[in-house]
Amino acid sequence: MQAVRNIARRSLAQVQVRQAANAAANPNDRRMKYPYTLAAMMAQFPMRHYYKHAWFVRMMVPSIALTVLLFWKINQLVNSPGNIAACEERKRKEQAKKHNH
């Protein structure tokens, strides 16, 4: 029984030495055993692996960029002063028809 205790103490000491060496090498790297928060999950997500091996992740980057540009252009066209004036005029005519039986 004494031999088992000695082996356990030595292995525990070795683990503690390894942990101390890792902490000294990178003091800001404190990974959780299970990332509970969304930020921790995102930080530990292997994005480089997915970007390298999954085609749809690689295609997501340019498609999101193109979609943002498309919606930005649509927003500019819809909210232009000329379009707003035309919309206000159309609303005014519709209101006039409703009240003018």
C-alpha atoms as a PDB file:
ATOM      1  CA  MET A   1       0.000   0.000   0.000  1.00  0.00           C
ATOM      2  CA  GLN A   2       2.910   2.325   0.767  1.00  0.00           C
ATOM      3  CA  ALA A   3       4.292   1.759  -2.748  1.00  0.00           C
ATOM      4  CA  VAL A   4       0.984   2.814  -4.312  1.00  0.00           C
ATOM      5  CA  ARG A   5       0.950   5.994  -2.226  1.00  0.00           C
ATOM      6  CA  ASN A   6       4.508   6.830  -3.286  1.00  0.00           C
ATOM      7  CA  ILE A   7       3.662   6.316  -6.963  1.00  0.00           C
ATOM      8  CA  ALA A   8       0.550   8.473  -6.602  1.00  0.00           C
ATOM      9  CA  ARG A   9       2.533  11.248  -4.885  1.00  0.00           C
ATOM     10  CA  ARG A  10       5.236  11.179  -7.571  1.00  0.00           C
ATOM     11  CA  SER A  11       2.741  11.274 -10.428  1.00  0.00           C
ATOM     12  CA  LEU A  12       0.814  14.103  -8.743  1.00  0.00           C
ATOM     13  CA  ALA A  13       4.066  16.005  -8.254  1.00  0.00           C
ATOM     14  CA  GLN A  14       4.945  15.508 -11.930  1.00  0.00           C
ATOM     15  CA  VAL A  15       1.527  16.806 -13.007  1.00  0.00           C
ATOM     16  CA  GLN A  16       1.921  19.859 -10.779  1.00  0.00           C
ATOM     17  CA  VAL A  17       5.380  20.537 -12.207  1.00  0.00           C
ATOM     18  CA  ARG A  18       3.999  20.299 -15.763  1.00  0.00           C
ATOM     19  CA  GLN A  19       1.109  22.624 -14.929  1.00  0.00           C
ATOM     20  CA  ALA A  20       3.477  25.131 -13.335  1.00  0.00           C
ATOM     21  CA  ALA A  21       5.751  25.002 -16.389  1.00  0.00           C
ATOM     22  CA  ASN A  22       2.795  25.546 -18.716  1.00  0.00           C
ATOM     23  CA  ALA A  23       1.526  28.435 -16.580  1.00  0.00           C
ATOM     24  CA  ALA A  24       4.982  30.007 -16.589  1.00  0.00           C
ATOM     25  CA  ALA A  25       5.282  29.627 -20.360  1.00  0.00           C
ATOM     26  CA  ASN A  26       1.932  31.304 -21.051  1.00  0.00           C
ATOM     27  CA  PRO A  27       0.357  32.949 -17.993  1.00  0.00           C
ATOM     28  CA  ASN A  28      -2.720  34.163 -19.934  1.00  0.00           C
ATOM     29  CA  ASP A  29      -3.690  30.713 -21.213  1.00  0.00           C
ATOM     30  CA  ARG A  30      -6.197  29.423 -18.675  1.00  0.00           C
ATOM     31  CA  ARG A  31      -8.453  27.064 -20.561  1.00  0.00           C
ATOM     32  CA  MET A  32     -11.544  25.690 -18.941  1.00  0.00           C
ATOM     33  CA  LYS A  33     -12.205  21.977 -18.893  1.00  0.00           C
ATOM     34  CA  TYR A  34     -15.596  22.791 -20.381  1.00  0.00           C
ATOM     35  CA  PRO A  35     -16.231  26.278 -21.758  1.00  0.00           C
ATOM     36  CA  TYR A  36     -19.495  27.351 -20.110  1.00  0.00           C
ATOM     37  CA  THR A  37     -19.852  30.819 -21.578  1.00  0.00           C
ATOM     38  CA  LEU A  38     -20.445  31.668 -25.205  1.00  0.00           C
ATOM     39  CA  ALA A  39     -17.243  33.716 -25.343  1.00  0.00           C
ATOM     40  CA  ALA A  40     -15.216  30.773 -24.018  1.00  0.00           C
ATOM     41  CA  MET A  41     -16.839  28.437 -26.542  1.00  0.00           C
ATOM     42  CA  MET A  42     -16.002  30.826 -29.375  1.00  0.00           C
ATOM     43  CA  ALA A  43     -12.425  31.245 -28.123  1.00  0.00           C
ATOM     44  CA  GLN A  44     -11.836  27.476 -28.070  1.00  0.00           C
ATOM     45  CA  PHE A  45     -13.647  26.763 -31.352  1.00  0.00           C
ATOM     46  CA  PRO A  46     -11.185  25.295 -33.915  1.00  0.00           C
ATOM     47  CA  MET A  47     -11.988  27.836 -36.636  1.00  0.00           C
ATOM     48  CA  ARG A  48      -8.694  27.354 -38.484  1.00  0.00           C
ATOM     49  CA  HIS A  49      -9.417  23.630 -38.868  1.00  0.00           C
ATOM     50  CA  TYR A  50     -12.936  24.242 -40.202  1.00  0.00           C
ATOM     51  CA  TYR A  51     -11.747  26.976 -42.560  1.00  0.00           C
ATOM     52  CA  LYS A  52      -9.083  24.649 -43.938  1.00  0.00           C
ATOM     53  CA  HIS A  53     -11.239  21.516 -44.312  1.00  0.00           C
ATOM     54  CA  ALA A  54     -14.846  22.637 -44.848  1.00  0.00           C
ATOM     55  CA  TRP A  55     -15.740  24.293 -48.154  1.00  0.00           C
ATOM     56  CA  PHE A  56     -18.873  26.022 -46.901  1.00  0.00           C
ATOM     57  CA  VAL A  57     -16.943  27.855 -44.167  1.00  0.00           C
ATOM     58  CA  ARG A  58     -14.538  29.149 -46.818  1.00  0.00           C
ATOM     59  CA  MET A  59     -17.477  30.229 -49.001  1.00  0.00           C
ATOM     60  CA  MET A  60     -19.236  31.903 -46.076  1.00  0.00           C
ATOM     61  CA  VAL A  61     -16.659  34.689 -45.822  1.00  0.00           C
ATOM     62  CA  PRO A  62     -17.074  36.099 -49.365  1.00  0.00           C
ATOM     63  CA  SER A  63     -20.809  35.405 -49.406  1.00  0.00           C
ATOM     64  CA  ILE A  64     -21.333  37.401 -46.198  1.00  0.00           C
ATOM     65  CA  ALA A  65     -19.239  40.238 -47.627  1.00  0.00           C
ATOM     66  CA  LEU A  66     -21.249  40.276 -50.872  1.00  0.00           C
ATOM     67  CA  THR A  67     -24.547  40.099 -48.996  1.00  0.00           C
ATOM     68  CA  VAL A  68     -23.592  43.016 -46.761  1.00  0.00           C
ATOM     69  CA  LEU A  69     -22.656  45.087 -49.815  1.00  0.00           C
ATOM     70  CA  LEU A  70     -25.900  44.160 -51.578  1.00  0.00           C
ATOM     71  CA  PHE A  71     -28.100  45.091 -48.620  1.00  0.00           C
ATOM     72  CA  TRP A  72     -26.116  48.302 -48.085  1.00  0.00           C
ATOM     73  CA  LYS A  73     -26.783  49.315 -51.706  1.00  0.00           C
ATOM     74  CA  ILE A  74     -30.487  48.405 -51.424  1.00  0.00           C
ATOM     75  CA  ASN A  75     -30.702  50.468 -48.222  1.00  0.00           C
ATOM     76  CA  GLN A  76     -29.128  53.448 -49.977  1.00  0.00           C
ATOM     77  CA  LEU A  77     -31.591  53.213 -52.869  1.00  0.00           C
ATOM     78  CA  VAL A  78     -34.657  52.783 -50.646  1.00  0.00           C
ATOM     79  CA  ASN A  79     -33.730  55.629 -48.320  1.00  0.00           C
ATOM     80  CA  SER A  80     -32.689  58.121 -50.995  1.00  0.00           C
ATOM     81  CA  PRO A  81     -34.365  61.546 -50.777  1.00  0.00           C
ATOM     82  CA  GLY A  82     -36.136  61.087 -54.114  1.00  0.00           C
ATOM     83  CA  ASN A  83     -37.580  57.728 -53.100  1.00  0.00           C
ATOM     84  CA  ILE A  84     -38.713  59.067 -49.719  1.00  0.00           C
ATOM     85  CA  ALA A  85     -40.463  61.991 -51.430  1.00  0.00           C
ATOM     86  CA  ALA A  86     -42.189  59.627 -53.893  1.00  0.00           C
ATOM     87  CA  CYS A  87     -43.320  57.390 -51.022  1.00  0.00           C
ATOM     88  CA  GLU A  88     -44.702  60.361 -49.062  1.00  0.00           C
ATOM     89  CA  GLU A  89     -46.572  61.518 -52.182  1.00  0.00           C
ATOM     90  CA  ARG A  90     -48.060  58.051 -52.686  1.00  0.00           C
ATOM     91  CA  LYS A  91     -49.157  57.912 -49.032  1.00  0.00           C
ATOM     92  CA  ARG A  92     -50.725  61.372 -49.321  1.00  0.00           C
ATOM     93  CA  LYS A  93     -52.727  60.316 -52.410  1.00  0.00           C
ATOM     94  CA  GLU A  94     -53.929  57.125 -50.689  1.00  0.00           C
ATOM     95  CA  GLN A  95     -55.061  59.120 -47.640  1.00  0.00           C
ATOM     96  CA  ALA A  96     -56.843  61.597 -49.901  1.00  0.00           C
ATOM     97  CA  LYS A  97     -58.738  58.743 -51.635  1.00  0.00           C
ATOM     98  CA  LYS A  98     -59.842  57.271 -48.300  1.00  0.00           C
ATOM     99  CA  HIS A  99     -61.234  60.579 -47.026  1.00  0.00           C
ATOM    100  CA  ASN A 100     -62.777  61.573 -50.375  1.00  0.00           C
ATOM    101  CA  HIS A 101     -65.349  58.742 -50.719  1.00  0.00           C
END
